[in-house]
């Protein structure tokens, strides 16, 4: 663990077209790849420790909202979509209230 060693991270992922692919940097381009796959190219991060980078890819559904100009999203497996729908509004509300508190 060396938090003082940082670098910008630049990521490109090829995954099945039906998958959600998200990271903690914005996706700047999604394009077709070979077969039934897509290539996702993410914006470079500012210099960060490599262990802070996150990538999630799989058969997920997303729920999206905003707090002011901050985009928010909650992802869950497709098989859990109906259960998440019962709670997603409350989860966004709690998160928005927390962001407001720390402004």
PDB file of N, CA and C in Angstrom:
ATOM      1  N   UNK A   1       0.842  -1.173   0.000  1.00  0.00           N
ATOM      2  CA  UNK A   1       0.000   0.000   0.000  1.00  0.00           C
ATOM      3  C   UNK A   1       0.885   1.234   0.000  1.00  0.00           C
ATOM      4  N   UNK A   2       0.892   1.932  -1.127  1.00  0.00           N
ATOM      5  CA  UNK A   2       1.687   3.152  -1.235  1.00  0.00           C
ATOM      6  C   UNK A   2       0.818   4.263  -1.826  1.00  0.00           C
ATOM      7  N   UNK A   3       0.024   4.915  -0.981  1.00  0.00           N
ATOM      8  CA  UNK A   3      -0.903   5.927  -1.500  1.00  0.00           C
ATOM      9  C   UNK A   3      -0.203   7.129  -2.113  1.00  0.00           C
ATOM     10  N   UNK A   4       1.087   7.295  -1.858  1.00  0.00           N
ATOM     11  CA  UNK A   4       1.805   8.418  -2.446  1.00  0.00           C
ATOM     12  C   UNK A   4       2.211   8.159  -3.901  1.00  0.00           C
ATOM     13  N   UNK A   5       2.096   6.911  -4.365  1.00  0.00           N
ATOM     14  CA  UNK A   5       2.410   6.590  -5.760  1.00  0.00           C
ATOM     15  C   UNK A   5       1.104   6.598  -6.544  1.00  0.00           C
ATOM     16  N   UNK A   6       0.988   7.549  -7.455  1.00  0.00           N
ATOM     17  CA  UNK A   6      -0.261   7.732  -8.204  1.00  0.00           C
ATOM     18  C   UNK A   6       0.045   7.894  -9.689  1.00  0.00           C
ATOM     19  N   UNK A   7      -0.955   7.566 -10.481  1.00  0.00           N
ATOM     20  CA  UNK A   7      -0.827   7.735 -11.930  1.00  0.00           C
ATOM     21  C   UNK A   7      -2.213   7.872 -12.531  1.00  0.00           C
ATOM     22  N   UNK A   8      -2.320   8.541 -13.680  1.00  0.00           N
ATOM     23  CA  UNK A   8      -3.609   8.535 -14.382  1.00  0.00           C
ATOM     24  C   UNK A   8      -3.850   7.137 -14.947  1.00  0.00           C
ATOM     25  N   UNK A   9      -5.073   6.659 -14.840  1.00  0.00           N
ATOM     26  CA  UNK A   9      -5.418   5.333 -15.348  1.00  0.00           C
ATOM     27  C   UNK A   9      -6.331   5.478 -16.549  1.00  0.00           C
ATOM     28  N   UNK A  10      -6.054   4.707 -17.573  1.00  0.00           N
ATOM     29  CA  UNK A  10      -6.762   4.769 -18.852  1.00  0.00           C
ATOM     30  C   UNK A  10      -7.213   3.348 -19.170  1.00  0.00           C
ATOM     31  N   UNK A  11      -8.530   3.118 -19.323  1.00  0.00           N
ATOM     32  CA  UNK A  11      -9.032   1.759 -19.452  1.00  0.00           C
ATOM     33  C   UNK A  11      -9.922   1.603 -20.677  1.00  0.00           C
ATOM     34  N   UNK A  12      -9.742   0.485 -21.366  1.00  0.00           N
ATOM     35  CA  UNK A  12     -10.628   0.069 -22.453  1.00  0.00           C
ATOM     36  C   UNK A  12     -11.038  -1.364 -22.171  1.00  0.00           C
ATOM     37  N   UNK A  13     -12.350  -1.645 -22.275  1.00  0.00           N
ATOM     38  CA  UNK A  13     -12.894  -2.961 -21.955  1.00  0.00           C
ATOM     39  C   UNK A  13     -13.704  -3.468 -23.142  1.00  0.00           C
ATOM     40  N   UNK A  14     -13.528  -4.725 -23.509  1.00  0.00           N
ATOM     41  CA  UNK A  14     -14.375  -5.392 -24.496  1.00  0.00           C
ATOM     42  C   UNK A  14     -15.221  -6.401 -23.730  1.00  0.00           C
ATOM     43  N   UNK A  15     -16.550  -6.275 -23.877  1.00  0.00           N
ATOM     44  CA  UNK A  15     -17.474  -7.125 -23.127  1.00  0.00           C
ATOM     45  C   UNK A  15     -18.681  -7.459 -23.995  1.00  0.00           C
ATOM     46  N   UNK A  16     -19.445  -8.471 -23.614  1.00  0.00           N
ATOM     47  CA  UNK A  16     -20.667  -8.787 -24.358  1.00  0.00           C
ATOM     48  C   UNK A  16     -21.579  -7.560 -24.468  1.00  0.00           C
ATOM     49  N   UNK A  17     -22.223  -7.399 -25.606  1.00  0.00           N
ATOM     50  CA  UNK A  17     -23.067  -6.222 -25.867  1.00  0.00           C
ATOM     51  C   UNK A  17     -24.179  -6.035 -24.849  1.00  0.00           C
ATOM     52  N   UNK A  18     -24.712  -7.116 -24.310  1.00  0.00           N
ATOM     53  CA  UNK A  18     -25.834  -7.022 -23.370  1.00  0.00           C
ATOM     54  C   UNK A  18     -25.402  -6.626 -21.959  1.00  0.00           C
ATOM     55  N   UNK A  19     -24.114  -6.592 -21.695  1.00  0.00           N
ATOM     56  CA  UNK A  19     -23.628  -6.280 -20.356  1.00  0.00           C
ATOM     57  C   UNK A  19     -23.572  -4.784 -20.100  1.00  0.00           C
ATOM     58  N   UNK A  20     -23.772  -4.417 -18.856  1.00  0.00           N
ATOM     59  CA  UNK A  20     -23.475  -3.060 -18.396  1.00  0.00           C
ATOM     60  C   UNK A  20     -21.988  -3.037 -18.035  1.00  0.00           C
ATOM     61  N   UNK A  21     -21.304  -1.970 -18.400  1.00  0.00           N
ATOM     62  CA  UNK A  21     -19.897  -1.809 -18.069  1.00  0.00           C
ATOM     63  C   UNK A  21     -19.720  -0.405 -17.502  1.00  0.00           C
ATOM     64  N   UNK A  22     -19.321  -0.319 -16.249  1.00  0.00           N
ATOM     65  CA  UNK A  22     -19.154   0.981 -15.599  1.00  0.00           C
ATOM     66  C   UNK A  22     -17.839   0.999 -14.830  1.00  0.00           C
ATOM     67  N   UNK A  23     -17.320   2.192 -14.662  1.00  0.00           N
ATOM     68  CA  UNK A  23     -16.087   2.390 -13.902  1.00  0.00           C
ATOM     69  C   UNK A  23     -16.200   3.728 -13.179  1.00  0.00           C
ATOM     70  N   UNK A  24     -15.203   4.061 -12.396  1.00  0.00           N
ATOM     71  CA  UNK A  24     -15.270   5.341 -11.718  1.00  0.00           C
ATOM     72  C   UNK A  24     -14.620   6.461 -12.516  1.00  0.00           C
ATOM     73  N   UNK A  25     -14.554   6.277 -13.813  1.00  0.00           N
ATOM     74  CA  UNK A  25     -14.303   7.375 -14.739  1.00  0.00           C
ATOM     75  C   UNK A  25     -15.374   7.250 -15.823  1.00  0.00           C
ATOM     76  N   UNK A  26     -15.668   8.339 -16.478  1.00  0.00           N
ATOM     77  CA  UNK A  26     -16.761   8.338 -17.459  1.00  0.00           C
ATOM     78  C   UNK A  26     -16.389   7.587 -18.729  1.00  0.00           C
ATOM     79  N   UNK A  27     -17.373   6.908 -19.273  1.00  0.00           N
ATOM     80  CA  UNK A  27     -17.187   6.230 -20.554  1.00  0.00           C
ATOM     81  C   UNK A  27     -17.249   7.294 -21.649  1.00  0.00           C
ATOM     82  N   UNK A  28     -16.170   7.440 -22.390  1.00  0.00           N
ATOM     83  CA  UNK A  28     -16.155   8.467 -23.427  1.00  0.00           C
ATOM     84  C   UNK A  28     -16.575   7.931 -24.783  1.00  0.00           C
ATOM     85  N   UNK A  29     -16.530   6.601 -24.948  1.00  0.00           N
ATOM     86  CA  UNK A  29     -16.931   6.032 -26.242  1.00  0.00           C
ATOM     87  C   UNK A  29     -17.286   4.562 -26.077  1.00  0.00           C
ATOM     88  N   UNK A  30     -18.369   4.171 -26.741  1.00  0.00           N
ATOM     89  CA  UNK A  30     -18.749   2.766 -26.842  1.00  0.00           C
ATOM     90  C   UNK A  30     -18.904   2.449 -28.315  1.00  0.00           C
ATOM     91  N   UNK A  31     -18.243   1.401 -28.772  1.00  0.00           N
ATOM     92  CA  UNK A  31     -18.308   1.049 -30.188  1.00  0.00           C
ATOM     93  C   UNK A  31     -18.422  -0.466 -30.340  1.00  0.00           C
ATOM     94  N   UNK A  32     -18.869  -0.879 -31.505  1.00  0.00           N
ATOM     95  CA  UNK A  32     -18.981  -2.311 -31.791  1.00  0.00           C
ATOM     96  C   UNK A  32     -17.594  -2.928 -31.853  1.00  0.00           C
ATOM     97  N   UNK A  33     -17.519  -4.154 -31.415  1.00  0.00           N
ATOM     98  CA  UNK A  33     -16.280  -4.902 -31.479  1.00  0.00           C
ATOM     99  C   UNK A  33     -16.572  -6.183 -32.250  1.00  0.00           C
ATOM    100  N   UNK A  34     -15.742  -7.176 -32.156  1.00  0.00           N
ATOM    101  CA  UNK A  34     -15.963  -8.416 -32.899  1.00  0.00           C
ATOM    102  C   UNK A  34     -17.155  -9.180 -32.332  1.00  0.00           C
ATOM    103  N   UNK A  35     -17.921  -9.800 -33.205  1.00  0.00           N
ATOM    104  CA  UNK A  35     -19.065 -10.609 -32.782  1.00  0.00           C
ATOM    105  C   UNK A  35     -20.103  -9.782 -32.049  1.00  0.00           C
ATOM    106  N   UNK A  36     -20.646 -10.336 -30.995  1.00  0.00           N
ATOM    107  CA  UNK A  36     -21.676  -9.664 -30.208  1.00  0.00           C
ATOM    108  C   UNK A  36     -21.038  -8.989 -28.993  1.00  0.00           C
ATOM    109  N   UNK A  37     -20.028  -8.161 -29.270  1.00  0.00           N
ATOM    110  CA  UNK A  37     -19.313  -7.480 -28.193  1.00  0.00           C
ATOM    111  C   UNK A  37     -19.208  -5.992 -28.480  1.00  0.00           C
ATOM    112  N   UNK A  38     -19.020  -5.231 -27.409  1.00  0.00           N
ATOM    113  CA  UNK A  38     -18.800  -3.792 -27.525  1.00  0.00           C
ATOM    114  C   UNK A  38     -17.508  -3.434 -26.815  1.00  0.00           C
ATOM    115  N   UNK A  39     -16.880  -2.400 -27.336  1.00  0.00           N
ATOM    116  CA  UNK A  39     -15.677  -1.869 -26.708  1.00  0.00           C
ATOM    117  C   UNK A  39     -16.049  -0.582 -25.985  1.00  0.00           C
ATOM    118  N   UNK A  40     -15.687  -0.497 -24.713  1.00  0.00           N
ATOM    119  CA  UNK A  40     -15.981   0.665 -23.881  1.00  0.00           C
ATOM    120  C   UNK A  40     -14.652   1.339 -23.539  1.00  0.00           C
ATOM    121  N   UNK A  41     -14.509   2.597 -23.927  1.00  0.00           N
ATOM    122  CA  UNK A  41     -13.288   3.346 -23.650  1.00  0.00           C
ATOM    123  C   UNK A  41     -13.611   4.417 -22.621  1.00  0.00           C
ATOM    124  N   UNK A  42     -12.886   4.404 -21.515  1.00  0.00           N
ATOM    125  CA  UNK A  42     -13.136   5.323 -20.418  1.00  0.00           C
ATOM    126  C   UNK A  42     -12.140   6.477 -20.431  1.00  0.00           C
ATOM    127  N   UNK A  43     -12.592   7.623 -19.933  1.00  0.00           N
ATOM    128  CA  UNK A  43     -11.722   8.786 -19.825  1.00  0.00           C
ATOM    129  C   UNK A  43     -10.611   8.495 -18.824  1.00  0.00           C
ATOM    130  N   UNK A  44      -9.427   9.040 -19.051  1.00  0.00           N
ATOM    131  CA  UNK A  44      -8.355   8.858 -18.069  1.00  0.00           C
ATOM    132  C   UNK A  44      -8.746   9.509 -16.739  1.00  0.00           C
ATOM    133  N   UNK A  45      -8.322   8.912 -15.667  1.00  0.00           N
ATOM    134  CA  UNK A  45      -8.575   9.488 -14.346  1.00  0.00           C
ATOM    135  C   UNK A  45      -7.529  10.561 -14.056  1.00  0.00           C
ATOM    136  N   UNK A  46      -7.788  11.404 -13.083  1.00  0.00           N
ATOM    137  CA  UNK A  46      -6.677  12.207 -12.563  1.00  0.00           C
ATOM    138  C   UNK A  46      -5.700  11.235 -11.876  1.00  0.00           C
ATOM    139  N   UNK A  47      -4.511  11.662 -11.530  1.00  0.00           N
ATOM    140  CA  UNK A  47      -3.592  10.742 -10.843  1.00  0.00           C
ATOM    141  C   UNK A  47      -4.211  10.203  -9.548  1.00  0.00           C
ATOM    142  N   UNK A  48      -4.342   8.872  -9.478  1.00  0.00           N
ATOM    143  CA  UNK A  48      -4.891   8.200  -8.298  1.00  0.00           C
ATOM    144  C   UNK A  48      -4.074   6.938  -8.022  1.00  0.00           C
ATOM    145  N   UNK A  49      -4.217   6.415  -6.817  1.00  0.00           N
ATOM    146  CA  UNK A  49      -3.618   5.113  -6.505  1.00  0.00           C
ATOM    147  C   UNK A  49      -4.391   4.043  -7.273  1.00  0.00           C
ATOM    148  N   UNK A  50      -3.695   3.065  -7.802  1.00  0.00           N
ATOM    149  CA  UNK A  50      -4.340   2.075  -8.663  1.00  0.00           C
ATOM    150  C   UNK A  50      -5.427   1.286  -7.940  1.00  0.00           C
ATOM    151  N   UNK A  51      -5.310   1.109  -6.624  1.00  0.00           N
ATOM    152  CA  UNK A  51      -6.317   0.334  -5.895  1.00  0.00           C
ATOM    153  C   UNK A  51      -7.636   1.078  -5.734  1.00  0.00           C
ATOM    154  N   UNK A  52      -7.696   2.335  -6.133  1.00  0.00           N
ATOM    155  CA  UNK A  52      -8.945   3.083  -6.054  1.00  0.00           C
ATOM    156  C   UNK A  52      -9.801   2.948  -7.312  1.00  0.00           C
ATOM    157  N   UNK A  53      -9.221   2.400  -8.379  1.00  0.00           N
ATOM    158  CA  UNK A  53      -9.975   2.271  -9.626  1.00  0.00           C
ATOM    159  C   UNK A  53     -10.967   1.112  -9.502  1.00  0.00           C
ATOM    160  N   UNK A  54     -12.182   1.346  -9.982  1.00  0.00           N
ATOM    161  CA  UNK A  54     -13.220   0.314  -9.918  1.00  0.00           C
ATOM    162  C   UNK A  54     -13.772   0.052 -11.313  1.00  0.00           C
ATOM    163  N   UNK A  55     -14.039  -1.197 -11.604  1.00  0.00           N
ATOM    164  CA  UNK A  55     -14.661  -1.618 -12.851  1.00  0.00           C
ATOM    165  C   UNK A  55     -15.705  -2.672 -12.509  1.00  0.00           C
ATOM    166  N   UNK A  56     -16.899  -2.515 -13.068  1.00  0.00           N
ATOM    167  CA  UNK A  56     -17.975  -3.482 -12.882  1.00  0.00           C
ATOM    168  C   UNK A  56     -18.523  -3.820 -14.261  1.00  0.00           C
ATOM    169  N   UNK A  57     -18.640  -5.085 -14.571  1.00  0.00           N
ATOM    170  CA  UNK A  57     -19.174  -5.512 -15.858  1.00  0.00           C
ATOM    171  C   UNK A  57     -20.018  -6.756 -15.651  1.00  0.00           C
ATOM    172  N   UNK A  58     -21.194  -6.773 -16.254  1.00  0.00           N
ATOM    173  CA  UNK A  58     -22.035  -7.950 -16.130  1.00  0.00           C
ATOM    174  C   UNK A  58     -23.466  -7.671 -16.525  1.00  0.00           C
ATOM    175  N   UNK A  59     -24.303  -8.648 -16.283  1.00  0.00           N
ATOM    176  CA  UNK A  59     -25.730  -8.569 -16.644  1.00  0.00           C
ATOM    177  C   UNK A  59     -26.485  -7.788 -15.567  1.00  0.00           C
ATOM    178  N   UNK A  60     -26.324  -6.472 -15.594  1.00  0.00           N
ATOM    179  CA  UNK A  60     -26.922  -5.595 -14.600  1.00  0.00           C
ATOM    180  C   UNK A  60     -27.969  -4.686 -15.231  1.00  0.00           C
ATOM    181  N   UNK A  61     -28.879  -4.214 -14.402  1.00  0.00           N
ATOM    182  CA  UNK A  61     -29.793  -3.138 -14.787  1.00  0.00           C
ATOM    183  C   UNK A  61     -29.405  -1.933 -13.954  1.00  0.00           C
ATOM    184  N   UNK A  62     -29.727  -0.756 -14.457  1.00  0.00           N
ATOM    185  CA  UNK A  62     -29.368   0.450 -13.718  1.00  0.00           C
ATOM    186  C   UNK A  62     -30.591   1.307 -13.452  1.00  0.00           C
ATOM    187  N   UNK A  63     -30.505   2.039 -12.365  1.00  0.00           N
ATOM    188  CA  UNK A  63     -31.483   3.050 -11.990  1.00  0.00           C
ATOM    189  C   UNK A  63     -30.680   4.343 -11.856  1.00  0.00           C
ATOM    190  N   UNK A  64     -31.175   5.410 -12.461  1.00  0.00           N
ATOM    191  CA  UNK A  64     -30.385   6.638 -12.478  1.00  0.00           C
ATOM    192  C   UNK A  64     -31.168   7.813 -11.922  1.00  0.00           C
ATOM    193  N   UNK A  65     -30.432   8.732 -11.320  1.00  0.00           N
ATOM    194  CA  UNK A  65     -30.987   9.957 -10.772  1.00  0.00           C
ATOM    195  C   UNK A  65     -29.865  10.985 -10.750  1.00  0.00           C
ATOM    196  N   UNK A  66     -30.147  12.157 -10.185  1.00  0.00           N
ATOM    197  CA  UNK A  66     -29.147  13.215 -10.070  1.00  0.00           C
ATOM    198  C   UNK A  66     -29.285  13.880  -8.712  1.00  0.00           C
ATOM    199  N   UNK A  67     -28.175  14.402  -8.237  1.00  0.00           N
ATOM    200  CA  UNK A  67     -28.201  15.347  -7.136  1.00  0.00           C
ATOM    201  C   UNK A  67     -27.554  16.603  -7.678  1.00  0.00           C
ATOM    202  N   UNK A  68     -28.353  17.626  -7.884  1.00  0.00           N
ATOM    203  CA  UNK A  68     -27.909  18.841  -8.568  1.00  0.00           C
ATOM    204  C   UNK A  68     -27.345  18.415  -9.922  1.00  0.00           C
ATOM    205  N   UNK A  69     -26.064  18.599 -10.149  1.00  0.00           N
ATOM    206  CA  UNK A  69     -25.473  18.179 -11.435  1.00  0.00           C
ATOM    207  C   UNK A  69     -24.661  16.891 -11.310  1.00  0.00           C
ATOM    208  N   UNK A  70     -24.767  16.222 -10.194  1.00  0.00           N
ATOM    209  CA  UNK A  70     -23.996  14.992  -9.960  1.00  0.00           C
ATOM    210  C   UNK A  70     -24.836  13.793 -10.377  1.00  0.00           C
ATOM    211  N   UNK A  71     -24.410  13.068 -11.419  1.00  0.00           N
ATOM    212  CA  UNK A  71     -25.170  11.872 -11.810  1.00  0.00           C
ATOM    213  C   UNK A  71     -24.988  10.768 -10.782  1.00  0.00           C
ATOM    214  N   UNK A  72     -26.059  10.041 -10.536  1.00  0.00           N
ATOM    215  CA  UNK A  72     -26.026   8.912  -9.599  1.00  0.00           C
ATOM    216  C   UNK A  72     -26.638   7.701 -10.291  1.00  0.00           C
ATOM    217  N   UNK A  73     -26.127   6.528  -9.954  1.00  0.00           N
ATOM    218  CA  UNK A  73     -26.684   5.296 -10.514  1.00  0.00           C
ATOM    219  C   UNK A  73     -26.562   4.174  -9.498  1.00  0.00           C
ATOM    220  N   UNK A  74     -27.550   3.310  -9.507  1.00  0.00           N
ATOM    221  CA  UNK A  74     -27.543   2.091  -8.706  1.00  0.00           C
ATOM    222  C   UNK A  74     -27.670   0.934  -9.682  1.00  0.00           C
ATOM    223  N   UNK A  75     -26.809  -0.053  -9.528  1.00  0.00           N
ATOM    224  CA  UNK A  75     -26.821  -1.223 -10.398  1.00  0.00           C
ATOM    225  C   UNK A  75     -27.157  -2.458  -9.577  1.00  0.00           C
ATOM    226  N   UNK A  76     -27.900  -3.353 -10.192  1.00  0.00           N
ATOM    227  CA  UNK A  76     -28.154  -4.652  -9.562  1.00  0.00           C
ATOM    228  C   UNK A  76     -28.293  -5.699 -10.657  1.00  0.00           C
ATOM    229  N   UNK A  77     -28.139  -6.950 -10.255  1.00  0.00           N
ATOM    230  CA  UNK A  77     -28.308  -8.039 -11.224  1.00  0.00           C
ATOM    231  C   UNK A  77     -29.718  -7.979 -11.800  1.00  0.00           C
ATOM    232  N   UNK A  78     -29.849  -8.347 -13.047  1.00  0.00           N
ATOM    233  CA  UNK A  78     -31.171  -8.346 -13.696  1.00  0.00           C
ATOM    234  C   UNK A  78     -32.181  -9.169 -12.925  1.00  0.00           C
ATOM    235  N   UNK A  79     -31.741 -10.256 -12.339  1.00  0.00           N
ATOM    236  CA  UNK A  79     -32.656 -11.134 -11.605  1.00  0.00           C
ATOM    237  C   UNK A  79     -33.202 -10.482 -10.340  1.00  0.00           C
ATOM    238  N   UNK A  80     -32.578  -9.404  -9.877  1.00  0.00           N
ATOM    239  CA  UNK A  80     -33.028  -8.712  -8.668  1.00  0.00           C
ATOM    240  C   UNK A  80     -33.755  -7.395  -8.962  1.00  0.00           C
ATOM    241  N   UNK A  81     -34.014  -7.118 -10.225  1.00  0.00           N
ATOM    242  CA  UNK A  81     -34.607  -5.836 -10.616  1.00  0.00           C
ATOM    243  C   UNK A  81     -35.908  -5.545  -9.865  1.00  0.00           C
ATOM    244  N   UNK A  82     -36.827  -6.497  -9.811  1.00  0.00           N
ATOM    245  CA  UNK A  82     -38.122  -6.236  -9.182  1.00  0.00           C
ATOM    246  C   UNK A  82     -37.969  -5.947  -7.687  1.00  0.00           C
ATOM    247  N   UNK A  83     -37.028  -6.586  -7.031  1.00  0.00           N
ATOM    248  CA  UNK A  83     -36.798  -6.312  -5.610  1.00  0.00           C
ATOM    249  C   UNK A  83     -36.177  -4.935  -5.408  1.00  0.00           C
ATOM    250  N   UNK A  84     -35.264  -4.554  -6.290  1.00  0.00           N
ATOM    251  CA  UNK A  84     -34.615  -3.249  -6.165  1.00  0.00           C
ATOM    252  C   UNK A  84     -35.605  -2.115  -6.423  1.00  0.00           C
ATOM    253  N   UNK A  85     -36.534  -2.320  -7.321  1.00  0.00           N
ATOM    254  CA  UNK A  85     -37.511  -1.274  -7.629  1.00  0.00           C
ATOM    255  C   UNK A  85     -38.279  -0.832  -6.386  1.00  0.00           C
ATOM    256  N   UNK A  86     -38.448  -1.721  -5.425  1.00  0.00           N
ATOM    257  CA  UNK A  86     -39.153  -1.385  -4.191  1.00  0.00           C
ATOM    258  C   UNK A  86     -38.344  -0.463  -3.280  1.00  0.00           C
ATOM    259  N   UNK A  87     -37.030  -0.379  -3.488  1.00  0.00           N
ATOM    260  CA  UNK A  87     -36.161   0.350  -2.563  1.00  0.00           C
ATOM    261  C   UNK A  87     -35.370   1.488  -3.204  1.00  0.00           C
ATOM    262  N   UNK A  88     -35.367   1.566  -4.514  1.00  0.00           N
ATOM    263  CA  UNK A  88     -34.445   2.481  -5.187  1.00  0.00           C
ATOM    264  C   UNK A  88     -34.743   3.945  -4.853  1.00  0.00           C
ATOM    265  N   UNK A  89     -35.983   4.338  -4.741  1.00  0.00           N
ATOM    266  CA  UNK A  89     -36.295   5.732  -4.418  1.00  0.00           C
ATOM    267  C   UNK A  89     -35.727   6.108  -3.052  1.00  0.00           C
ATOM    268  N   UNK A  90     -35.921   5.238  -2.074  1.00  0.00           N
ATOM    269  CA  UNK A  90     -35.407   5.502  -0.729  1.00  0.00           C
ATOM    270  C   UNK A  90     -33.878   5.590  -0.725  1.00  0.00           C
ATOM    271  N   UNK A  91     -33.210   4.708  -1.471  1.00  0.00           N
ATOM    272  CA  UNK A  91     -31.750   4.721  -1.525  1.00  0.00           C
ATOM    273  C   UNK A  91     -31.221   6.009  -2.144  1.00  0.00           C
ATOM    274  N   UNK A  92     -31.866   6.472  -3.211  1.00  0.00           N
ATOM    275  CA  UNK A  92     -31.455   7.745  -3.811  1.00  0.00           C
ATOM    276  C   UNK A  92     -31.708   8.904  -2.853  1.00  0.00           C
ATOM    277  N   UNK A  93     -32.833   8.890  -2.167  1.00  0.00           N
ATOM    278  CA  UNK A  93     -33.149   9.970  -1.218  1.00  0.00           C
ATOM    279  C   UNK A  93     -32.108  10.041  -0.112  1.00  0.00           C
ATOM    280  N   UNK A  94     -31.756   8.911   0.464  1.00  0.00           N
ATOM    281  CA  UNK A  94     -30.744   8.879   1.531  1.00  0.00           C
ATOM    282  C   UNK A  94     -29.408   9.408   1.017  1.00  0.00           C
ATOM    283  N   UNK A  95     -29.021   8.998  -0.184  1.00  0.00           N
ATOM    284  CA  UNK A  95     -27.760   9.443  -0.770  1.00  0.00           C
ATOM    285  C   UNK A  95     -27.773  10.939  -1.039  1.00  0.00           C
ATOM    286  N   UNK A  96     -28.859  11.441  -1.592  1.00  0.00           N
ATOM    287  CA  UNK A  96     -28.977  12.878  -1.870  1.00  0.00           C
ATOM    288  C   UNK A  96     -28.915  13.695  -0.582  1.00  0.00           C
ATOM    289  N   UNK A  97     -29.575  13.217   0.463  1.00  0.00           N
ATOM    290  CA  UNK A  97     -29.528  13.914   1.743  1.00  0.00           C
ATOM    291  C   UNK A  97     -28.112  13.918   2.311  1.00  0.00           C
ATOM    292  N   UNK A  98     -27.401  12.823   2.163  1.00  0.00           N
ATOM    293  CA  UNK A  98     -26.016  12.769   2.625  1.00  0.00           C
ATOM    294  C   UNK A  98     -25.112  13.718   1.858  1.00  0.00           C
ATOM    295  N   UNK A  99     -25.281  13.785   0.558  1.00  0.00           N
ATOM    296  CA  UNK A  99     -24.487  14.729  -0.244  1.00  0.00           C
ATOM    297  C   UNK A  99     -24.791  16.171   0.173  1.00  0.00           C
ATOM    298  N   UNK A 100     -26.077  16.452   0.410  1.00  0.00           N
ATOM    299  CA  UNK A 100     -26.458  17.794   0.855  1.00  0.00           C
ATOM    300  C   UNK A 100     -25.840  18.150   2.197  1.00  0.00           C
ATOM    301  N   UNK A 101     -25.791  17.201   3.090  1.00  0.00           N
ATOM    302  CA  UNK A 101     -25.222  17.424   4.418  1.00  0.00           C
ATOM    303  C   UNK A 101     -23.742  17.806   4.334  1.00  0.00           C
ATOM    304  N   UNK A 102     -22.994  17.158   3.422  1.00  0.00           N
ATOM    305  CA  UNK A 102     -21.559  17.368   3.340  1.00  0.00           C
ATOM    306  C   UNK A 102     -21.153  18.482   2.381  1.00  0.00           C
ATOM    307  N   UNK A 103     -22.104  19.203   1.830  1.00  0.00           N
ATOM    308  CA  UNK A 103     -21.729  20.332   0.957  1.00  0.00           C
ATOM    309  C   UNK A 103     -21.128  21.468   1.738  1.00  0.00           C
TER     310      UNK A 103
END
